[in-house]
Protein backbone atom coordinates (compact mmCIF):
# COMPACT_ATOMS: atom_id res chain seq x y z
CA UNK A 1 23.18 -7.06 -18.16
CA UNK A 2 25.02 -4.24 -16.40
CA UNK A 3 23.67 -2.38 -13.38
CA UNK A 4 22.96 0.63 -15.59
CA UNK A 5 21.05 -1.59 -17.99
CA UNK A 6 19.04 -2.95 -15.05
CA UNK A 7 18.05 0.59 -14.01
CA UNK A 8 17.13 1.52 -17.58
CA UNK A 9 15.01 -1.64 -17.77
CA UNK A 10 13.15 -0.59 -14.62
CA UNK A 11 12.51 2.96 -15.86
CA UNK A 12 11.41 1.68 -19.29
CA UNK A 13 9.06 -0.91 -17.81
CA UNK A 14 7.66 1.46 -15.19
CA UNK A 15 8.11 5.02 -16.55
CA UNK A 16 8.03 7.48 -13.69
CA UNK A 17 5.54 10.31 -13.48
CA UNK A 18 6.53 10.90 -9.90
CA UNK A 19 7.89 14.15 -8.45
CA UNK A 20 11.60 14.68 -7.68
CA UNK A 21 11.16 13.24 -4.18
CA UNK A 22 11.05 9.75 -5.73
CA UNK A 23 14.24 10.20 -7.73
CA UNK A 24 16.67 9.56 -4.88
CA UNK A 25 15.05 6.24 -3.91
CA UNK A 26 14.98 5.17 -7.56
CA UNK A 27 18.59 6.16 -8.11
CA UNK A 28 19.78 4.17 -5.10
CA UNK A 29 17.74 0.98 -5.50
CA UNK A 30 16.64 1.21 -9.14
CA UNK A 31 18.95 -1.63 -10.21
CA UNK A 32 17.68 -3.84 -7.40
CA UNK A 33 14.05 -2.99 -8.21
CA UNK A 34 14.68 -4.14 -11.78
CA UNK A 35 15.98 -7.42 -10.36
CA UNK A 36 12.88 -7.65 -8.18
CA UNK A 37 10.70 -7.47 -11.29
CA UNK A 38 12.64 -10.30 -12.88
CA UNK A 39 12.60 -12.33 -9.66
CA UNK A 40 8.84 -11.86 -9.42
CA UNK A 41 8.35 -13.27 -12.91
CA UNK A 42 10.60 -16.25 -12.17
CA UNK A 43 8.68 -16.94 -8.97
CA UNK A 44 5.40 -16.94 -10.92
CA UNK A 45 6.41 -20.17 -12.66
CA UNK A 46 3.54 -22.65 -12.50
CA UNK A 47 2.16 -25.58 -14.47
CA UNK A 48 -1.15 -23.70 -14.50
CA UNK A 49 -0.94 -20.99 -17.22
CA UNK A 50 -3.74 -18.86 -15.75
CA UNK A 51 -1.70 -18.26 -12.59
CA UNK A 52 1.13 -16.70 -14.54
CA UNK A 53 -1.28 -14.80 -16.81
CA UNK A 54 -3.18 -13.17 -13.96
CA UNK A 55 -0.05 -12.59 -11.86
CA UNK A 56 1.84 -10.92 -14.70
CA UNK A 57 -1.19 -8.81 -15.61
CA UNK A 58 -1.39 -7.36 -12.09
CA UNK A 59 2.38 -6.96 -11.93
CA UNK A 60 2.55 -5.20 -15.29
CA UNK A 61 -0.34 -2.86 -14.55
CA UNK A 62 2.00 -0.49 -12.77
CA UNK A 63 2.37 0.41 -9.13
CA UNK A 64 5.27 2.23 -7.57
CA UNK A 65 6.87 -0.76 -5.83
CA UNK A 66 6.99 1.23 -2.60
CA UNK A 67 7.06 -1.88 -0.39
CA UNK A 68 10.00 -3.54 -2.14
CA UNK A 69 11.77 -0.17 -2.25
CA UNK A 70 11.30 0.24 1.50
CA UNK A 71 12.81 -3.17 2.16
CA UNK A 72 15.78 -2.53 -0.13
CA UNK A 73 16.41 0.91 1.35
CA UNK A 74 16.11 -0.36 4.93
CA UNK A 75 18.64 -3.11 4.18
CA UNK A 76 20.95 -0.55 2.55
CA UNK A 77 20.53 1.79 5.55
CA UNK A 78 21.67 -1.04 7.84
CA UNK A 79 24.68 -1.83 5.62
CA UNK A 80 23.39 -5.21 4.45
CA UNK A 81 25.66 -6.66 1.76
CA UNK A 82 24.13 -10.10 1.24
CA UNK A 83 22.08 -11.61 -1.58
CA UNK A 84 18.66 -12.03 0.05
CA UNK A 85 17.28 -8.48 -0.18
CA UNK A 86 16.06 -8.81 -3.77
CA UNK A 87 14.31 -12.21 -3.33
CA UNK A 88 12.70 -10.97 -0.11
CA UNK A 89 11.57 -7.75 -1.78
CA UNK A 90 9.90 -9.93 -4.42
CA UNK A 91 8.12 -11.81 -1.64
CA UNK A 92 6.78 -8.53 -0.26
CA UNK A 93 5.37 -7.67 -3.69
CA UNK A 94 3.88 -11.19 -3.92
CA UNK A 95 2.02 -10.62 -0.66
CA UNK A 96 0.89 -7.15 -1.73
CA UNK A 97 -0.34 -8.43 -5.10
CA UNK A 98 -2.28 -11.20 -3.38
CA UNK A 99 -4.02 -8.63 -1.17
CA UNK A 100 -4.91 -6.54 -4.24
CA UNK A 101 -6.53 -9.52 -5.94
CA UNK A 102 -8.57 -10.33 -2.83
CA UNK A 103 -9.43 -6.68 -2.13
CA UNK A 104 -10.82 -6.14 -5.61
CA UNK A 105 -13.12 -9.12 -5.22
CA UNK A 106 -14.34 -7.97 -1.79
CA UNK A 107 -14.82 -4.40 -3.06
CA UNK A 108 -16.37 -5.42 -6.42
CA UNK A 109 -13.77 -3.16 -8.02
CA UNK A 110 -13.71 -2.67 -11.78
CA UNK A 111 -10.51 -0.62 -12.01
CA UNK A 112 -7.04 -1.13 -10.60
CA UNK A 113 -4.27 1.34 -11.48
CA UNK A 114 -6.36 2.70 -14.32
CA UNK A 115 -6.91 -0.69 -15.97
CA UNK A 116 -9.64 -3.30 -15.71
CA UNK A 117 -9.20 -5.21 -12.46
CA UNK A 118 -8.26 -8.89 -12.64
CA UNK A 119 -11.65 -9.99 -11.31
CA UNK A 120 -13.34 -8.01 -14.09
CA UNK A 121 -11.32 -9.89 -16.72
CA UNK A 122 -11.10 -13.39 -15.25
CA UNK A 123 -13.82 -13.48 -12.61
CA UNK A 124 -13.87 -13.52 -8.83
CA UNK A 125 -13.04 -17.21 -8.51
CA UNK A 126 -9.81 -16.96 -10.52
CA UNK A 127 -8.75 -13.79 -8.70
CA UNK A 128 -9.23 -15.33 -5.27
CA UNK A 129 -7.45 -18.56 -6.19
CA UNK A 130 -4.49 -16.83 -7.82
CA UNK A 131 -4.27 -14.62 -4.74
CA UNK A 132 -4.18 -17.77 -2.63
CA UNK A 133 -1.38 -19.13 -4.81
CA UNK A 134 0.65 -15.95 -4.33
CA UNK A 135 0.19 -16.09 -0.54
CA UNK A 136 1.24 -19.73 -0.43
CA UNK A 137 4.18 -19.20 -2.75
CA UNK A 138 5.40 -16.25 -0.71
CA UNK A 139 5.77 -18.44 2.37
CA UNK A 140 7.65 -21.16 0.51
CA UNK A 141 10.03 -18.45 -0.73
CA UNK A 142 10.48 -17.12 2.79
CA UNK A 143 11.35 -20.60 4.04
CA UNK A 144 14.07 -20.67 1.40
CA UNK A 145 15.45 -17.44 2.85
CA UNK A 146 16.25 -19.42 5.98
CA UNK A 147 15.33 -16.83 8.62
CA UNK A 148 12.78 -17.85 11.23
CA UNK A 149 12.60 -14.24 12.41
CA UNK A 150 11.58 -13.02 8.96
CA UNK A 151 9.15 -15.90 8.51
CA UNK A 152 7.58 -15.06 11.88
CA UNK A 153 7.42 -11.36 10.99
CA UNK A 154 5.58 -11.86 7.70
CA UNK A 155 3.28 -14.58 9.01
CA UNK A 156 2.18 -12.14 11.69
CA UNK A 157 1.80 -9.38 9.10
CA UNK A 158 -0.40 -11.47 6.78
CA UNK A 159 -2.57 -12.48 9.74
CA UNK A 160 -2.97 -8.82 10.68
CA UNK A 161 -3.85 -7.91 7.08
CA UNK A 162 -6.66 -10.49 7.08
CA UNK A 163 -7.89 -9.17 10.42
CA UNK A 164 -7.83 -5.63 9.05
CA UNK A 165 -9.94 -6.67 6.07
CA UNK A 166 -12.50 -8.27 8.39
CA UNK A 167 -12.52 -5.23 10.67
CA UNK A 168 -13.14 -3.01 7.66
CA UNK A 169 -15.98 -5.26 6.53
CA UNK A 170 -17.57 -5.09 9.97
CA UNK A 171 -17.22 -1.28 9.93
CA UNK A 172 -19.06 -0.87 6.63
CA UNK A 173 -21.80 1.73 6.96
CA UNK A 174 -20.94 2.40 10.62
CA UNK A 175 -21.60 6.13 10.97
CA UNK A 176 -20.30 6.17 14.54
CA UNK A 177 -16.92 4.70 13.62
CA UNK A 178 -14.28 6.51 15.66
CA UNK A 179 -11.04 7.85 14.33
CA UNK A 180 -9.10 5.62 16.71
CA UNK A 181 -10.89 2.52 15.47
CA UNK A 182 -10.36 3.53 11.87
CA UNK A 183 -6.62 4.02 12.40
CA UNK A 184 -6.52 0.50 13.87
CA UNK A 185 -8.19 -0.84 10.73
CA UNK A 186 -5.80 0.82 8.28
CA UNK A 187 -2.78 -0.02 10.42
CA UNK A 188 -3.65 -3.70 10.06
CA UNK A 189 -4.90 -3.53 6.49
CA UNK A 190 -2.22 -1.34 4.91
CA UNK A 191 0.53 -0.16 7.24
CA UNK A 192 1.57 -3.51 8.69
CA UNK A 193 3.08 -4.76 5.42
CA UNK A 194 5.14 -1.59 4.96
CA UNK A 195 6.28 -1.94 8.55
CA UNK A 196 7.29 -5.57 7.96
CA UNK A 197 9.11 -4.63 4.76
CA UNK A 198 11.26 -2.09 6.61
CA UNK A 199 11.85 -4.28 9.64
CA UNK A 200 12.84 -7.28 7.53
CA UNK A 201 15.55 -5.21 5.85
CA UNK A 202 16.99 -4.54 9.31
CA UNK A 203 16.69 -8.20 10.29
CA UNK A 204 18.59 -9.25 7.16
CA UNK A 205 21.41 -6.96 8.25
CA UNK A 206 21.36 -8.29 11.84
CA UNK A 207 20.76 -4.73 13.02
CA UNK A 208 20.19 -3.96 16.68
CA UNK A 209 16.72 -4.31 18.16
CA UNK A 210 16.60 -0.51 18.50
CA UNK A 211 17.20 -0.09 14.78
CA UNK A 212 14.73 -2.84 13.88
CA UNK A 213 12.08 -1.09 15.99
CA UNK A 214 12.88 2.30 14.45
CA UNK A 215 12.47 0.97 10.91
CA UNK A 216 9.32 -0.97 11.83
CA UNK A 217 7.82 2.23 13.23
CA UNK A 218 8.93 4.21 10.18
CA UNK A 219 7.16 1.75 7.86
CA UNK A 220 4.02 1.76 9.98
CA UNK A 221 3.75 5.55 10.03
CA UNK A 222 4.43 5.81 6.29
CA UNK A 223 1.80 3.12 5.68
CA UNK A 224 -0.85 4.93 7.71
CA UNK A 225 -0.09 8.17 5.85
CA UNK A 226 -0.24 6.34 2.52
CA UNK A 227 -3.75 5.05 3.27
CA UNK A 228 -4.91 8.43 4.55
CA UNK A 229 -3.81 9.96 1.25
CA UNK A 230 -5.84 7.29 -0.56
CA UNK A 231 -8.80 8.40 1.55
CA UNK A 232 -8.47 11.96 0.29
CA UNK A 233 -7.87 10.94 -3.33
CA UNK A 234 -11.16 9.05 -3.35
CA UNK A 235 -12.83 12.47 -3.03
CA UNK A 236 -10.44 14.72 -4.94
CA UNK A 237 -8.61 12.87 -7.74
CA UNK A 238 -9.84 12.09 -11.21
CA UNK A 239 -10.16 8.42 -12.15
CA UNK A 240 -7.23 8.85 -14.55
CA UNK A 241 -5.02 10.18 -11.76
CA UNK A 242 -6.16 7.76 -9.07
CA UNK A 243 -6.35 4.61 -11.21
CA UNK A 244 -9.53 3.60 -9.39
CA UNK A 245 -13.16 4.65 -9.52
CA UNK A 246 -13.46 7.84 -7.50
CA UNK A 247 -16.14 7.69 -4.84
CA UNK A 248 -15.87 3.90 -4.75
CA UNK A 249 -15.17 3.82 -1.01
CA UNK A 250 -18.31 5.86 -0.36
CA UNK A 251 -20.41 3.68 -2.65
CA UNK A 252 -19.14 0.59 -0.81
CA UNK A 253 -20.15 2.14 2.52
CA UNK A 254 -16.57 2.56 3.72
CA UNK A 255 -16.28 5.22 6.37
CA UNK A 256 -12.84 6.75 5.88
CA UNK A 257 -11.23 9.58 7.81
CA UNK A 258 -12.47 12.52 5.70
CA UNK A 259 -16.01 11.27 6.26
CA UNK A 260 -15.43 10.44 9.93
CA UNK A 261 -14.36 14.05 10.52
CA UNK A 262 -17.31 15.38 8.50
CA UNK A 263 -19.83 13.26 10.41
CA UNK A 264 -18.38 14.61 13.64
CA UNK A 265 -18.73 18.23 12.52
CA UNK A 266 -21.93 18.34 10.44
CA UNK A 267 -25.53 18.96 11.47
CA UNK A 268 -28.07 16.24 12.19
CA UNK A 269 -29.82 16.93 8.88
CA UNK A 270 -26.58 16.68 6.94
CA UNK A 271 -25.75 13.46 8.75
CA UNK A 272 -29.05 12.05 7.51
CA UNK A 273 -28.11 13.01 3.93
CA UNK A 274 -24.83 11.10 4.26
CA UNK A 275 -26.57 8.12 5.86
CA UNK A 276 -29.09 7.94 3.03
CA UNK A 277 -26.32 7.85 0.42
CA UNK A 278 -24.37 5.17 2.27
CA UNK A 279 -27.45 2.96 2.54
CA UNK A 280 -28.06 2.99 -1.22
CA UNK A 281 -27.04 -0.01 -3.31
CA UNK A 282 -26.03 2.29 -6.17
CA UNK A 283 -24.74 5.82 -5.75
CA UNK A 284 -25.48 8.46 -8.36
CA UNK A 285 -23.09 11.23 -9.33
CA UNK A 286 -25.33 13.73 -7.54
CA UNK A 287 -25.14 11.60 -4.38
CA UNK A 288 -21.36 11.62 -4.54
CA UNK A 289 -21.27 15.35 -5.25
CA UNK A 290 -23.55 16.09 -2.28
CA UNK A 291 -21.45 14.09 0.18
CA UNK A 292 -18.19 15.32 -1.33
CA UNK A 293 -19.30 18.94 -0.92
CA UNK A 294 -20.01 18.30 2.76
CA UNK A 295 -16.60 16.68 3.21
CA UNK A 296 -14.95 19.74 1.68
CA UNK A 297 -17.17 22.20 3.57
CA UNK A 298 -16.23 20.73 6.94
CA UNK A 299 -12.53 20.38 6.16
CA UNK A 300 -12.43 16.59 5.96
CA UNK A 301 -9.76 16.66 3.29
CA UNK A 302 -7.55 19.17 5.11
CA UNK A 303 -7.99 17.31 8.40
CA UNK A 304 -6.91 14.02 6.84
CA UNK A 305 -3.97 15.63 5.05
CA UNK A 306 -2.80 17.11 8.32
CA UNK A 307 -2.99 13.71 10.01
CA UNK A 308 -1.01 12.16 7.14
CA UNK A 309 1.66 14.86 7.38
CA UNK A 310 1.86 14.27 11.14
CA UNK A 311 2.50 10.57 10.56
CA UNK A 312 5.25 11.37 8.06
CA UNK A 313 6.93 13.79 10.47
CA UNK A 314 6.98 11.07 13.14
CA UNK A 315 8.29 8.54 10.62
CA UNK A 316 11.14 10.84 9.60
CA UNK A 317 12.08 11.45 13.22
CA UNK A 318 12.30 7.71 13.89
CA UNK A 319 15.19 7.14 11.48
CA UNK A 320 17.27 10.03 12.76
CA UNK A 321 19.02 7.43 14.93
CA UNK A 322 20.86 6.44 11.74
CA UNK A 323 23.84 8.42 10.47
CA UNK A 324 23.28 10.71 7.53
CA UNK A 325 23.69 8.75 4.29
CA UNK A 326 22.24 8.52 0.78
CA UNK A 327 20.01 5.65 1.97
CA UNK A 328 18.60 7.71 4.83
CA UNK A 329 17.99 10.68 2.54
CA UNK A 330 16.22 8.39 0.06
CA UNK A 331 13.95 7.04 2.81
CA UNK A 332 13.16 10.57 3.96
CA UNK A 333 12.37 11.55 0.36
CA UNK A 334 10.15 8.51 -0.11
CA UNK A 335 8.26 9.41 3.07
CA UNK A 336 7.84 12.98 1.84
CA UNK A 337 6.54 11.75 -1.49
CA UNK A 338 3.63 9.97 0.20
CA UNK A 339 1.86 13.21 1.08
CA UNK A 340 2.46 14.82 -2.30
CA UNK A 341 1.29 12.04 -4.61
CA UNK A 342 -1.81 12.41 -6.78
CA UNK A 343 -2.25 8.72 -7.61
């Protein structure tokens, strides 16, 4: 299969509805992303059919492959010319998929990317165990890559992800959750894997420590912005756009930044309204509408969007240490896309 055929395969398998900002990244690493998809399927080989069935279902349900794309672009930015970028990008998607399987069980989710979640179809037990398989497999694949630095990086990242999940669990229903504490939670839960993806691309290329740090910071800031956008979409998107149940975070008692800002600005009586909704086992549409109207009234959406844009501006500035190139432009475009996406 030619490189052009690889890119066509990727676009056919994952048709893009994304804005023009995603076209440069896709053009540059589209062939490699197609190879990542194939590598992922090869790495799912198991004597247990359910593992492959669940893994391929989650893989085929869509997703923008931002984490693998970040790794591939970071490696390209650092002039890496070896063969390990694609296998390592597949590992990143393995880790991400494992976290999705576990997250959906913890959150009692019924939708993922607009489709029934894996735990809805196969049950919580299967989802957790397949997620465990993907975590374990990812580390065996990293050992094969032969880099102790990359193995150390991703082992630290997966530890931080687990800590972030626990921190989020402990913060459930906490009306006094501070913005600083919340940023710590989403940094561990979401941003750390994007940071590791970018940094590992630099490590593959034996880039300087300064460049490794710049790409790690870029990935972290993009990851924080990505999660902040998710926070806003939970209040503003339709289920079809978002691919998840809107209002699910609120129903689960998750205090995200739009709500943190609203709780800081609203009256004592309005705070009691929000508290009453969060304490309910089941949230009605009217409950969601009442809280959502308060979030919009007090500028929670705009505040969060501004924070996300600030993170992206910092991220873009970090990679200005690199010379102008198609890879740098693609990374800047990908960062810009994060604050414009609607799903």
